[in-house]
Each structure stands twice: as structure tokens, then as C-alpha cells.
Amino acid sequence: AGGVLEATLQALAVPAEELLVWLGPAIGPAAFEVGPEVREAFLAQHAAATEAFAPSHNAGRFMADLYQLARIRLAARGVNAVYGGGLCTFADPRFYSYRRTPHTGRFASLVWLER
């Protein structure tokens, strides 16, 4: 909700129709519980974000789909070539997750421009 995707798009300075986005591993919608303040922060920016939240079994909390939130925000900026998503770092033991095992682990993400 802090505008990281939007700031990245601005820094790349490439027309949206020329971008290809890959959404790498992240905590999945069945494992990422947030409070109402997080949901409200996203809804205040994009009404479509409501589809990315489902009620949690914990009263007053929500399960958030980061992949869906990213797709909504990217689409709002005209980026339609969005792939990946669906790999849950919490549920899939191939990935490190502090929420699952509070021991250190590492990830790397890559961003590049081809001219």
C-alpha cells in the first residue's frame, strides 16, 4: 500500500505496454492474515482490492492475497503482462519463511532493463 510497485514502475521509465512482470514466491492468501487497517489502506487506493481479501477465521481479521493486490495495482498503471504468483513461501517447504520457521533464510529478486 506504500507505493513500492508504483515507484518501481516510475523508476524504470518504460511504457507499461513494454513491461513484463513476474510475481515470485510470496506468502499465499491462505497464510497471510492482516488486520482491518491493512485492508482499509488498500481499499482507500483501489476499490477493486476488495476481491483480494477474505474474512479470516479470527474475528475482525482478513486473509490477504498479495498476488491479486499486485495485479490490481499493476493493471491500474496499464501493466497487463503479469505472470507468476501462486507459490506460497509459508506452505511450500522449498522456500524460507520466517512465519513458518524463525531461522534465517535468504531470497534474491532480480529486476533489469533490456534495451
PDB file of N, CA and C in Angstrom:
ATOM      1  N   ALA A   1       0.821  -1.202   0.000  1.00  0.00           N
ATOM      2  CA  ALA A   1       0.000   0.000   0.000  1.00  0.00           C
ATOM      3  C   ALA A   1       0.857   1.254   0.000  1.00  0.00           C
ATOM      4  N   GLY A   2       2.148   1.104   0.296  1.00  0.00           N
ATOM      5  CA  GLY A   2       3.060   2.238   0.351  1.00  0.00           C
ATOM      6  C   GLY A   2       3.569   2.709  -0.996  1.00  0.00           C
ATOM      7  N   GLY A   3       3.153   2.062  -2.077  1.00  0.00           N
ATOM      8  CA  GLY A   3       3.528   2.525  -3.402  1.00  0.00           C
ATOM      9  C   GLY A   3       4.817   1.953  -3.971  1.00  0.00           C
ATOM     10  N   VAL A   4       5.269   0.834  -3.454  1.00  0.00           N
ATOM     11  CA  VAL A   4       6.521   0.241  -3.937  1.00  0.00           C
ATOM     12  C   VAL A   4       6.420  -0.127  -5.419  1.00  0.00           C
ATOM     13  N   LEU A   5       5.326  -0.768  -5.812  1.00  0.00           N
ATOM     14  CA  LEU A   5       5.181  -1.131  -7.230  1.00  0.00           C
ATOM     15  C   LEU A   5       5.143   0.103  -8.120  1.00  0.00           C
ATOM     16  N   GLU A   6       4.387   1.088  -7.704  1.00  0.00           N
ATOM     17  CA  GLU A   6       4.271   2.312  -8.496  1.00  0.00           C
ATOM     18  C   GLU A   6       5.612   3.037  -8.608  1.00  0.00           C
ATOM     19  N   ALA A   7       6.358   3.092  -7.513  1.00  0.00           N
ATOM     20  CA  ALA A   7       7.675   3.739  -7.536  1.00  0.00           C
ATOM     21  C   ALA A   7       8.639   2.972  -8.442  1.00  0.00           C
ATOM     22  N   THR A   8       8.539   1.658  -8.439  1.00  0.00           N
ATOM     23  CA  THR A   8       9.391   0.848  -9.312  1.00  0.00           C
ATOM     24  C   THR A   8       9.063   1.120 -10.771  1.00  0.00           C
ATOM     25  N   LEU A   9       7.790   1.161 -11.100  1.00  0.00           N
ATOM     26  CA  LEU A   9       7.391   1.457 -12.481  1.00  0.00           C
ATOM     27  C   LEU A   9       7.896   2.833 -12.909  1.00  0.00           C
ATOM     28  N   GLN A  10       7.788   3.793 -12.031  1.00  0.00           N
ATOM     29  CA  GLN A  10       8.253   5.143 -12.346  1.00  0.00           C
ATOM     30  C   GLN A  10       9.767   5.151 -12.553  1.00  0.00           C
ATOM     31  N   ALA A  11      10.504   4.463 -11.711  1.00  0.00           N
ATOM     32  CA  ALA A  11      11.963   4.432 -11.828  1.00  0.00           C
ATOM     33  C   ALA A  11      12.416   3.722 -13.103  1.00  0.00           C
ATOM     34  N   LEU A  12      11.663   2.720 -13.536  1.00  0.00           N
ATOM     35  CA  LEU A  12      12.024   2.013 -14.762  1.00  0.00           C
ATOM     36  C   LEU A  12      11.840   2.890 -15.995  1.00  0.00           C
ATOM     37  N   ALA A  13      10.891   3.803 -15.934  1.00  0.00           N
ATOM     38  CA  ALA A  13      10.638   4.744 -17.032  1.00  0.00           C
ATOM     39  C   ALA A  13      10.480   4.035 -18.376  1.00  0.00           C
ATOM     40  N   VAL A  14       9.685   2.969 -18.366  1.00  0.00           N
ATOM     41  CA  VAL A  14       9.393   2.197 -19.572  1.00  0.00           C
ATOM     42  C   VAL A  14       7.876   2.209 -19.754  1.00  0.00           C
ATOM     43  N   PRO A  15       7.381   2.365 -20.975  1.00  0.00           N
ATOM     44  CA  PRO A  15       5.935   2.321 -21.182  1.00  0.00           C
ATOM     45  C   PRO A  15       5.336   1.007 -20.651  1.00  0.00           C
ATOM     46  N   ALA A  16       4.194   1.108 -20.008  1.00  0.00           N
ATOM     47  CA  ALA A  16       3.564  -0.056 -19.371  1.00  0.00           C
ATOM     48  C   ALA A  16       3.374  -1.212 -20.340  1.00  0.00           C
ATOM     49  N   GLU A  17       3.051  -0.911 -21.585  1.00  0.00           N
ATOM     50  CA  GLU A  17       2.803  -1.985 -22.555  1.00  0.00           C
ATOM     51  C   GLU A  17       4.078  -2.729 -22.952  1.00  0.00           C
ATOM     52  N   GLU A  18       5.230  -2.212 -22.578  1.00  0.00           N
ATOM     53  CA  GLU A  18       6.503  -2.883 -22.863  1.00  0.00           C
ATOM     54  C   GLU A  18       7.026  -3.696 -21.678  1.00  0.00           C
ATOM     55  N   LEU A  19       6.329  -3.645 -20.564  1.00  0.00           N
ATOM     56  CA  LEU A  19       6.793  -4.341 -19.365  1.00  0.00           C
ATOM     57  C   LEU A  19       6.235  -5.753 -19.276  1.00  0.00           C
ATOM     58  N   LEU A  20       7.059  -6.642 -18.760  1.00  0.00           N
ATOM     59  CA  LEU A  20       6.652  -7.993 -18.420  1.00  0.00           C
ATOM     60  C   LEU A  20       6.995  -8.158 -16.942  1.00  0.00           C
ATOM     61  N   VAL A  21       6.021  -8.523 -16.156  1.00  0.00           N
ATOM     62  CA  VAL A  21       6.209  -8.654 -14.710  1.00  0.00           C
ATOM     63  C   VAL A  21       6.051 -10.113 -14.310  1.00  0.00           C
ATOM     64  N   TRP A  22       6.988 -10.581 -13.502  1.00  0.00           N
ATOM     65  CA  TRP A  22       6.899 -11.925 -12.926  1.00  0.00           C
ATOM     66  C   TRP A  22       6.751 -11.765 -11.423  1.00  0.00           C
ATOM     67  N   LEU A  23       5.696 -12.342 -10.875  1.00  0.00           N
ATOM     68  CA  LEU A  23       5.472 -12.309  -9.428  1.00  0.00           C
ATOM     69  C   LEU A  23       6.085 -13.560  -8.825  1.00  0.00           C
ATOM     70  N   GLY A  24       7.145 -13.378  -8.075  1.00  0.00           N
ATOM     71  CA  GLY A  24       7.865 -14.500  -7.485  1.00  0.00           C
ATOM     72  C   GLY A  24       7.205 -15.004  -6.212  1.00  0.00           C
ATOM     73  N   PRO A  25       7.829 -15.949  -5.553  1.00  0.00           N
ATOM     74  CA  PRO A  25       7.279 -16.537  -4.330  1.00  0.00           C
ATOM     75  C   PRO A  25       6.981 -15.482  -3.264  1.00  0.00           C
ATOM     76  N   ALA A  26       5.855 -15.666  -2.602  1.00  0.00           N
ATOM     77  CA  ALA A  26       5.428 -14.775  -1.515  1.00  0.00           C
ATOM     78  C   ALA A  26       4.478 -15.559  -0.618  1.00  0.00           C
ATOM     79  N   ILE A  27       4.191 -15.022   0.531  1.00  0.00           N
ATOM     80  CA  ILE A  27       3.221 -15.690   1.391  1.00  0.00           C
ATOM     81  C   ILE A  27       1.866 -15.697   0.676  1.00  0.00           C
ATOM     82  N   GLY A  28       1.217 -16.842   0.683  1.00  0.00           N
ATOM     83  CA  GLY A  28      -0.026 -17.012  -0.066  1.00  0.00           C
ATOM     84  C   GLY A  28      -1.264 -16.544   0.685  1.00  0.00           C
ATOM     85  N   PRO A  29      -2.371 -16.443  -0.038  1.00  0.00           N
ATOM     86  CA  PRO A  29      -3.611 -15.916   0.535  1.00  0.00           C
ATOM     87  C   PRO A  29      -4.209 -16.780   1.641  1.00  0.00           C
ATOM     88  N   ALA A  30      -3.843 -18.042   1.721  1.00  0.00           N
ATOM     89  CA  ALA A  30      -4.355 -18.890   2.794  1.00  0.00           C
ATOM     90  C   ALA A  30      -3.529 -18.751   4.072  1.00  0.00           C
ATOM     91  N   ALA A  31      -2.387 -18.039   3.986  1.00  0.00           N
ATOM     92  CA  ALA A  31      -1.484 -17.938   5.131  1.00  0.00           C
ATOM     93  C   ALA A  31      -1.220 -16.511   5.600  1.00  0.00           C
ATOM     94  N   PHE A  32      -1.647 -15.522   4.818  1.00  0.00           N
ATOM     95  CA  PHE A  32      -1.302 -14.131   5.149  1.00  0.00           C
ATOM     96  C   PHE A  32      -2.493 -13.414   5.774  1.00  0.00           C
ATOM     97  N   GLU A  33      -2.501 -13.398   7.096  1.00  0.00           N
ATOM     98  CA  GLU A  33      -3.585 -12.748   7.835  1.00  0.00           C
ATOM     99  C   GLU A  33      -3.187 -11.320   8.183  1.00  0.00           C
ATOM    100  N   VAL A  34      -4.110 -10.385   7.970  1.00  0.00           N
ATOM    101  CA  VAL A  34      -3.856  -8.973   8.254  1.00  0.00           C
ATOM    102  C   VAL A  34      -5.024  -8.391   9.045  1.00  0.00           C
ATOM    103  N   GLY A  35      -4.759  -7.244   9.629  1.00  0.00           N
ATOM    104  CA  GLY A  35      -5.799  -6.533  10.362  1.00  0.00           C
ATOM    105  C   GLY A  35      -6.612  -5.650   9.439  1.00  0.00           C
ATOM    106  N   PRO A  36      -7.693  -5.095   9.952  1.00  0.00           N
ATOM    107  CA  PRO A  36      -8.567  -4.258   9.131  1.00  0.00           C
ATOM    108  C   PRO A  36      -7.875  -2.992   8.615  1.00  0.00           C
ATOM    109  N   GLU A  37      -6.849  -2.509   9.331  1.00  0.00           N
ATOM    110  CA  GLU A  37      -6.148  -1.301   8.894  1.00  0.00           C
ATOM    111  C   GLU A  37      -5.391  -1.542   7.588  1.00  0.00           C
ATOM    112  N   VAL A  38      -4.877  -2.753   7.400  1.00  0.00           N
ATOM    113  CA  VAL A  38      -4.176  -3.092   6.156  1.00  0.00           C
ATOM    114  C   VAL A  38      -5.183  -3.145   5.006  1.00  0.00           C
ATOM    115  N   ARG A  39      -6.281  -3.816   5.232  1.00  0.00           N
ATOM    116  CA  ARG A  39      -7.333  -3.904   4.206  1.00  0.00           C
ATOM    117  C   ARG A  39      -7.804  -2.507   3.819  1.00  0.00           C
ATOM    118  N   GLU A  40      -8.059  -1.669   4.802  1.00  0.00           N
ATOM    119  CA  GLU A  40      -8.551  -0.311   4.532  1.00  0.00           C
ATOM    120  C   GLU A  40      -7.530   0.522   3.756  1.00  0.00           C
ATOM    121  N   ALA A  41      -6.242   0.344   4.047  1.00  0.00           N
ATOM    122  CA  ALA A  41      -5.199   1.088   3.322  1.00  0.00           C
ATOM    123  C   ALA A  41      -5.235   0.750   1.835  1.00  0.00           C
ATOM    124  N   PHE A  42      -5.439  -0.522   1.502  1.00  0.00           N
ATOM    125  CA  PHE A  42      -5.508  -0.921   0.093  1.00  0.00           C
ATOM    126  C   PHE A  42      -6.820  -0.487  -0.544  1.00  0.00           C
ATOM    127  N   LEU A  43      -7.923  -0.631   0.171  1.00  0.00           N
ATOM    128  CA  LEU A  43      -9.230  -0.243  -0.376  1.00  0.00           C
ATOM    129  C   LEU A  43      -9.317   1.259  -0.621  1.00  0.00           C
ATOM    130  N   ALA A  44      -8.637   2.042   0.181  1.00  0.00           N
ATOM    131  CA  ALA A  44      -8.656   3.500   0.008  1.00  0.00           C
ATOM    132  C   ALA A  44      -8.010   3.907  -1.313  1.00  0.00           C
ATOM    133  N   GLN A  45      -7.130   3.069  -1.835  1.00  0.00           N
ATOM    134  CA  GLN A  45      -6.437   3.382  -3.077  1.00  0.00           C
ATOM    135  C   GLN A  45      -7.079   2.746  -4.301  1.00  0.00           C
ATOM    136  N   HIS A  46      -7.643   1.546  -4.139  1.00  0.00           N
ATOM    137  CA  HIS A  46      -8.244   0.815  -5.258  1.00  0.00           C
ATOM    138  C   HIS A  46      -9.458   0.052  -4.742  1.00  0.00           C
ATOM    139  N   ALA A  47     -10.631   0.434  -5.176  1.00  0.00           N
ATOM    140  CA  ALA A  47     -11.848  -0.257  -4.743  1.00  0.00           C
ATOM    141  C   ALA A  47     -11.815  -1.734  -5.121  1.00  0.00           C
ATOM    142  N   ALA A  48     -11.147  -2.071  -6.232  1.00  0.00           N
ATOM    143  CA  ALA A  48     -11.066  -3.461  -6.679  1.00  0.00           C
ATOM    144  C   ALA A  48     -10.302  -4.342  -5.692  1.00  0.00           C
ATOM    145  N   ALA A  49      -9.564  -3.746  -4.787  1.00  0.00           N
ATOM    146  CA  ALA A  49      -8.788  -4.521  -3.820  1.00  0.00           C
ATOM    147  C   ALA A  49      -9.676  -5.364  -2.912  1.00  0.00           C
ATOM    148  N   THR A  50     -10.946  -5.054  -2.855  1.00  0.00           N
ATOM    149  CA  THR A  50     -11.853  -5.844  -2.013  1.00  0.00           C
ATOM    150  C   THR A  50     -11.808  -7.315  -2.389  1.00  0.00           C
ATOM    151  N   GLU A  51     -11.565  -7.629  -3.686  1.00  0.00           N
ATOM    152  CA  GLU A  51     -11.509  -9.033  -4.121  1.00  0.00           C
ATOM    153  C   GLU A  51     -10.277  -9.755  -3.601  1.00  0.00           C
ATOM    154  N   ALA A  52      -9.303  -9.042  -3.102  1.00  0.00           N
ATOM    155  CA  ALA A  52      -8.063  -9.656  -2.623  1.00  0.00           C
ATOM    156  C   ALA A  52      -8.102  -9.977  -1.129  1.00  0.00           C
ATOM    157  N   PHE A  53      -9.225  -9.746  -0.477  1.00  0.00           N
ATOM    158  CA  PHE A  53      -9.338 -10.002   0.957  1.00  0.00           C
ATOM    159  C   PHE A  53     -10.530 -10.910   1.236  1.00  0.00           C
ATOM    160  N   ALA A  54     -10.314 -11.877   2.107  1.00  0.00           N
ATOM    161  CA  ALA A  54     -11.383 -12.764   2.558  1.00  0.00           C
ATOM    162  C   ALA A  54     -11.386 -12.743   4.077  1.00  0.00           C
ATOM    163  N   PRO A  55     -12.556 -12.885   4.687  1.00  0.00           N
ATOM    164  CA  PRO A  55     -12.594 -12.916   6.153  1.00  0.00           C
ATOM    165  C   PRO A  55     -11.760 -14.077   6.697  1.00  0.00           C
ATOM    166  N   SER A  56     -11.041 -13.820   7.764  1.00  0.00           N
ATOM    167  CA  SER A  56     -10.269 -14.850   8.448  1.00  0.00           C
ATOM    168  C   SER A  56     -11.179 -15.591   9.419  1.00  0.00           C
ATOM    169  N   HIS A  57     -10.730 -16.742   9.877  1.00  0.00           N
ATOM    170  CA  HIS A  57     -11.481 -17.422  10.940  1.00  0.00           C
ATOM    171  C   HIS A  57     -11.312 -16.682  12.267  1.00  0.00           C
ATOM    172  N   ASN A  58     -10.356 -15.753  12.332  1.00  0.00           N
ATOM    173  CA  ASN A  58     -10.177 -14.895  13.502  1.00  0.00           C
ATOM    174  C   ASN A  58     -11.012 -13.630  13.300  1.00  0.00           C
ATOM    175  N   ALA A  59     -11.931 -13.393  14.180  1.00  0.00           N
ATOM    176  CA  ALA A  59     -12.866 -12.269  14.047  1.00  0.00           C
ATOM    177  C   ALA A  59     -12.146 -10.937  13.829  1.00  0.00           C
ATOM    178  N   GLY A  60     -12.648 -10.180  12.856  1.00  0.00           N
ATOM    179  CA  GLY A  60     -12.121  -8.851  12.592  1.00  0.00           C
ATOM    180  C   GLY A  60     -10.835  -8.828  11.788  1.00  0.00           C
ATOM    181  N   ARG A  61     -10.359  -9.988  11.341  1.00  0.00           N
ATOM    182  CA  ARG A  61      -9.113 -10.070  10.580  1.00  0.00           C
ATOM    183  C   ARG A  61      -9.427 -10.582   9.184  1.00  0.00           C
ATOM    184  N   PHE A  62      -8.445 -10.463   8.295  1.00  0.00           N
ATOM    185  CA  PHE A  62      -8.650 -10.827   6.896  1.00  0.00           C
ATOM    186  C   PHE A  62      -7.463 -11.606   6.363  1.00  0.00           C
ATOM    187  N   MET A  63      -7.730 -12.457   5.390  1.00  0.00           N
ATOM    188  CA  MET A  63      -6.686 -13.151   4.655  1.00  0.00           C
ATOM    189  C   MET A  63      -6.452 -12.329   3.388  1.00  0.00           C
ATOM    190  N   ALA A  64      -5.191 -11.977   3.144  1.00  0.00           N
ATOM    191  CA  ALA A  64      -4.863 -11.096   2.019  1.00  0.00           C
ATOM    192  C   ALA A  64      -4.124 -11.858   0.926  1.00  0.00           C
ATOM    193  N   ASP A  65      -4.506 -11.582  -0.304  1.00  0.00           N
ATOM    194  CA  ASP A  65      -3.869 -12.177  -1.473  1.00  0.00           C
ATOM    195  C   ASP A  65      -2.929 -11.139  -2.090  1.00  0.00           C
ATOM    196  N   LEU A  66      -1.644 -11.233  -1.743  1.00  0.00           N
ATOM    197  CA  LEU A  66      -0.654 -10.275  -2.245  1.00  0.00           C
ATOM    198  C   LEU A  66      -0.543 -10.311  -3.763  1.00  0.00           C
ATOM    199  N   TYR A  67      -0.684 -11.487  -4.338  1.00  0.00           N
ATOM    200  CA  TYR A  67      -0.606 -11.598  -5.796  1.00  0.00           C
ATOM    201  C   TYR A  67      -1.741 -10.820  -6.463  1.00  0.00           C
ATOM    202  N   GLN A  68      -2.942 -10.972  -5.950  1.00  0.00           N
ATOM    203  CA  GLN A  68      -4.083 -10.245  -6.505  1.00  0.00           C
ATOM    204  C   GLN A  68      -3.922  -8.738  -6.306  1.00  0.00           C
ATOM    205  N   LEU A  69      -3.443  -8.338  -5.146  1.00  0.00           N
ATOM    206  CA  LEU A  69      -3.212  -6.916  -4.898  1.00  0.00           C
ATOM    207  C   LEU A  69      -2.194  -6.350  -5.882  1.00  0.00           C
ATOM    208  N   ALA A  70      -1.136  -7.089  -6.144  1.00  0.00           N
ATOM    209  CA  ALA A  70      -0.123  -6.636  -7.108  1.00  0.00           C
ATOM    210  C   ALA A  70      -0.727  -6.527  -8.502  1.00  0.00           C
ATOM    211  N   ARG A  71      -1.506  -7.515  -8.905  1.00  0.00           N
ATOM    212  CA  ARG A  71      -2.128  -7.491 -10.241  1.00  0.00           C
ATOM    213  C   ARG A  71      -3.063  -6.288 -10.385  1.00  0.00           C
ATOM    214  N   ILE A  72      -3.824  -5.983  -9.360  1.00  0.00           N
ATOM    215  CA  ILE A  72      -4.741  -4.837  -9.389  1.00  0.00           C
ATOM    216  C   ILE A  72      -3.958  -3.542  -9.554  1.00  0.00           C
ATOM    217  N   ARG A  73      -2.910  -3.392  -8.775  1.00  0.00           N
ATOM    218  CA  ARG A  73      -2.112  -2.158  -8.818  1.00  0.00           C
ATOM    219  C   ARG A  73      -1.367  -2.017 -10.134  1.00  0.00           C
ATOM    220  N   LEU A  74      -0.847  -3.110 -10.655  1.00  0.00           N
ATOM    221  CA  LEU A  74      -0.147  -3.063 -11.935  1.00  0.00           C
ATOM    222  C   LEU A  74      -1.119  -2.748 -13.075  1.00  0.00           C
ATOM    223  N   ALA A  75      -2.286  -3.377 -13.058  1.00  0.00           N
ATOM    224  CA  ALA A  75      -3.289  -3.117 -14.091  1.00  0.00           C
ATOM    225  C   ALA A  75      -3.723  -1.654 -14.074  1.00  0.00           C
ATOM    226  N   ALA A  76      -3.816  -1.069 -12.880  1.00  0.00           N
ATOM    227  CA  ALA A  76      -4.200   0.342 -12.762  1.00  0.00           C
ATOM    228  C   ALA A  76      -3.178   1.250 -13.428  1.00  0.00           C
ATOM    229  N   ARG A  77      -1.945   0.772 -13.572  1.00  0.00           N
ATOM    230  CA  ARG A  77      -0.881   1.534 -14.245  1.00  0.00           C
ATOM    231  C   ARG A  77      -0.691   1.093 -15.688  1.00  0.00           C
ATOM    232  N   GLY A  78      -1.576   0.217 -16.170  1.00  0.00           N
ATOM    233  CA  GLY A  78      -1.521  -0.199 -17.561  1.00  0.00           C
ATOM    234  C   GLY A  78      -0.624  -1.386 -17.845  1.00  0.00           C
ATOM    235  N   VAL A  79      -0.140  -2.046 -16.806  1.00  0.00           N
ATOM    236  CA  VAL A  79       0.716  -3.222 -16.995  1.00  0.00           C
ATOM    237  C   VAL A  79      -0.180  -4.455 -17.031  1.00  0.00           C
ATOM    238  N   ASN A  80      -0.217  -5.107 -18.175  1.00  0.00           N
ATOM    239  CA  ASN A  80      -1.092  -6.270 -18.328  1.00  0.00           C
ATOM    240  C   ASN A  80      -0.339  -7.580 -18.515  1.00  0.00           C
ATOM    241  N   ALA A  81       0.945  -7.534 -18.798  1.00  0.00           N
ATOM    242  CA  ALA A  81       1.748  -8.745 -18.954  1.00  0.00           C
ATOM    243  C   ALA A  81       2.305  -9.124 -17.587  1.00  0.00           C
ATOM    244  N   VAL A  82       1.474  -9.751 -16.775  1.00  0.00           N
ATOM    245  CA  VAL A  82       1.848 -10.125 -15.411  1.00  0.00           C
ATOM    246  C   VAL A  82       1.723 -11.642 -15.289  1.00  0.00           C
ATOM    247  N   TYR A  83       2.801 -12.277 -14.890  1.00  0.00           N
ATOM    248  CA  TYR A  83       2.855 -13.725 -14.811  1.00  0.00           C
ATOM    249  C   TYR A  83       3.335 -14.144 -13.431  1.00  0.00           C
ATOM    250  N   GLY A  84       3.308 -15.441 -13.178  1.00  0.00           N
ATOM    251  CA  GLY A  84       3.788 -15.963 -11.905  1.00  0.00           C
ATOM    252  C   GLY A  84       2.725 -15.859 -10.838  1.00  0.00           C
ATOM    253  N   GLY A  85       3.167 -15.889  -9.610  1.00  0.00           N
ATOM    254  CA  GLY A  85       2.237 -15.877  -8.490  1.00  0.00           C
ATOM    255  C   GLY A  85       1.822 -17.301  -8.153  1.00  0.00           C
ATOM    256  N   GLY A  86       1.264 -17.454  -6.996  1.00  0.00           N
ATOM    257  CA  GLY A  86       0.757 -18.756  -6.607  1.00  0.00           C
ATOM    258  C   GLY A  86       1.717 -19.642  -5.832  1.00  0.00           C
ATOM    259  N   LEU A  87       2.966 -19.230  -5.689  1.00  0.00           N
ATOM    260  CA  LEU A  87       3.915 -20.014  -4.894  1.00  0.00           C
ATOM    261  C   LEU A  87       3.944 -19.442  -3.477  1.00  0.00           C
ATOM    262  N   CYS A  88       3.439 -20.203  -2.531  1.00  0.00           N
ATOM    263  CA  CYS A  88       3.344 -19.728  -1.150  1.00  0.00           C
ATOM    264  C   CYS A  88       4.587 -20.117  -0.353  1.00  0.00           C
ATOM    265  N   THR A  89       5.306 -19.117   0.109  1.00  0.00           N
ATOM    266  CA  THR A  89       6.526 -19.358   0.873  1.00  0.00           C
ATOM    267  C   THR A  89       6.241 -19.978   2.239  1.00  0.00           C
ATOM    268  N   PHE A  90       5.046 -19.805   2.744  1.00  0.00           N
ATOM    269  CA  PHE A  90       4.695 -20.397   4.030  1.00  0.00           C
ATOM    270  C   PHE A  90       4.371 -21.881   3.869  1.00  0.00           C
ATOM    271  N   ALA A  91       3.576 -22.225   2.874  1.00  0.00           N
ATOM    272  CA  ALA A  91       3.117 -23.597   2.696  1.00  0.00           C
ATOM    273  C   ALA A  91       4.117 -24.492   1.987  1.00  0.00           C
ATOM    274  N   ASP A  92       4.962 -23.928   1.154  1.00  0.00           N
ATOM    275  CA  ASP A  92       5.882 -24.713   0.334  1.00  0.00           C
ATOM    276  C   ASP A  92       7.249 -24.790   1.009  1.00  0.00           C
ATOM    277  N   PRO A  93       7.676 -25.964   1.454  1.00  0.00           N
ATOM    278  CA  PRO A  93       8.935 -26.081   2.188  1.00  0.00           C
ATOM    279  C   PRO A  93      10.184 -25.789   1.348  1.00  0.00           C
ATOM    280  N   ARG A  94      10.036 -25.643   0.035  1.00  0.00           N
ATOM    281  CA  ARG A  94      11.192 -25.268  -0.783  1.00  0.00           C
ATOM    282  C   ARG A  94      11.651 -23.849  -0.480  1.00  0.00           C
ATOM    283  N   PHE A  95      10.778 -23.047   0.142  1.00  0.00           N
ATOM    284  CA  PHE A  95      11.077 -21.646   0.385  1.00  0.00           C
ATOM    285  C   PHE A  95      11.240 -21.383   1.873  1.00  0.00           C
ATOM    286  N   TYR A  96      12.106 -20.436   2.176  1.00  0.00           N
ATOM    287  CA  TYR A  96      12.279 -19.985   3.551  1.00  0.00           C
ATOM    288  C   TYR A  96      11.078 -19.131   3.950  1.00  0.00           C
ATOM    289  N   SER A  97      10.588 -19.323   5.156  1.00  0.00           N
ATOM    290  CA  SER A  97       9.519 -18.496   5.702  1.00  0.00           C
ATOM    291  C   SER A  97       9.762 -18.281   7.191  1.00  0.00           C
ATOM    292  N   TYR A  98       9.974 -17.040   7.578  1.00  0.00           N
ATOM    293  CA  TYR A  98      10.155 -16.732   8.994  1.00  0.00           C
ATOM    294  C   TYR A  98       8.884 -17.071   9.769  1.00  0.00           C
ATOM    295  N   ARG A  99       7.738 -16.924   9.119  1.00  0.00           N
ATOM    296  CA  ARG A  99       6.474 -17.237   9.794  1.00  0.00           C
ATOM    297  C   ARG A  99       6.370 -18.731  10.111  1.00  0.00           C
ATOM    298  N   ARG A 100       6.996 -19.548   9.283  1.00  0.00           N
ATOM    299  CA  ARG A 100       6.957 -20.992   9.489  1.00  0.00           C
ATOM    300  C   ARG A 100       8.101 -21.450  10.404  1.00  0.00           C
ATOM    301  N   THR A 101       9.300 -20.958  10.175  1.00  0.00           N
ATOM    302  CA  THR A 101      10.495 -21.341  10.924  1.00  0.00           C
ATOM    303  C   THR A 101      11.334 -20.100  11.158  1.00  0.00           C
ATOM    304  N   PRO A 102      11.385 -19.591  12.378  1.00  0.00           N
ATOM    305  CA  PRO A 102      12.090 -18.328  12.626  1.00  0.00           C
ATOM    306  C   PRO A 102      13.616 -18.439  12.646  1.00  0.00           C
ATOM    307  N   HIS A 103      14.163 -19.128  11.671  1.00  0.00           N
ATOM    308  CA  HIS A 103      15.606 -19.163  11.467  1.00  0.00           C
ATOM    309  C   HIS A 103      15.892 -18.384  10.197  1.00  0.00           C
ATOM    310  N   THR A 104      17.069 -17.863  10.084  1.00  0.00           N
ATOM    311  CA  THR A 104      17.405 -17.019   8.949  1.00  0.00           C
ATOM    312  C   THR A 104      17.333 -17.769   7.619  1.00  0.00           C
ATOM    313  N   GLY A 105      17.042 -17.038   6.593  1.00  0.00           N
ATOM    314  CA  GLY A 105      16.981 -17.565   5.233  1.00  0.00           C
ATOM    315  C   GLY A 105      17.163 -16.415   4.274  1.00  0.00           C
ATOM    316  N   ARG A 106      17.347 -16.699   3.000  1.00  0.00           N
ATOM    317  CA  ARG A 106      17.604 -15.641   2.027  1.00  0.00           C
ATOM    318  C   ARG A 106      16.822 -15.858   0.743  1.00  0.00           C
ATOM    319  N   PHE A 107      16.464 -14.749   0.126  1.00  0.00           N
ATOM    320  CA  PHE A 107      15.841 -14.726  -1.196  1.00  0.00           C
ATOM    321  C   PHE A 107      16.581 -13.703  -2.030  1.00  0.00           C
ATOM    322  N   ALA A 108      16.482 -13.840  -3.308  1.00  0.00           N
ATOM    323  CA  ALA A 108      17.014 -12.818  -4.208  1.00  0.00           C
ATOM    324  C   ALA A 108      15.950 -12.517  -5.245  1.00  0.00           C
ATOM    325  N   SER A 109      15.800 -11.249  -5.573  1.00  0.00           N
ATOM    326  CA  SER A 109      14.894 -10.814  -6.632  1.00  0.00           C
ATOM    327  C   SER A 109      15.713 -10.032  -7.642  1.00  0.00           C
ATOM    328  N   LEU A 110      15.349 -10.181  -8.893  1.00  0.00           N
ATOM    329  CA  LEU A 110      16.085  -9.513  -9.950  1.00  0.00           C
ATOM    330  C   LEU A 110      15.155  -8.635 -10.766  1.00  0.00           C
ATOM    331  N   VAL A 111      15.642  -7.459 -11.118  1.00  0.00           N
ATOM    332  CA  VAL A 111      14.929  -6.532 -11.991  1.00  0.00           C
ATOM    333  C   VAL A 111      15.945  -6.028 -12.986  1.00  0.00           C
ATOM    334  N   TRP A 112      15.611  -6.017 -14.269  1.00  0.00           N
ATOM    335  CA  TRP A 112      16.554  -5.500 -15.260  1.00  0.00           C
ATOM    336  C   TRP A 112      15.811  -4.905 -16.440  1.00  0.00           C
ATOM    337  N   LEU A 113      16.542  -4.086 -17.170  1.00  0.00           N
ATOM    338  CA  LEU A 113      16.039  -3.463 -18.390  1.00  0.00           C
ATOM    339  C   LEU A 113      16.799  -4.028 -19.572  1.00  0.00           C
ATOM    340  N   GLU A 114      16.097  -4.368 -20.624  1.00  0.00           N
ATOM    341  CA  GLU A 114      16.745  -4.772 -21.868  1.00  0.00           C
ATOM    342  C   GLU A 114      16.462  -3.686 -22.872  1.00  0.00           C
ATOM    343  N   ARG A 115      17.477  -3.184 -23.489  1.00  0.00           N
ATOM    344  CA  ARG A 115      17.324  -2.108 -24.473  1.00  0.00           C
ATOM    345  C   ARG A 115      17.657  -2.604 -25.839  1.00  0.00           C
TER     346      ARG A 115
END
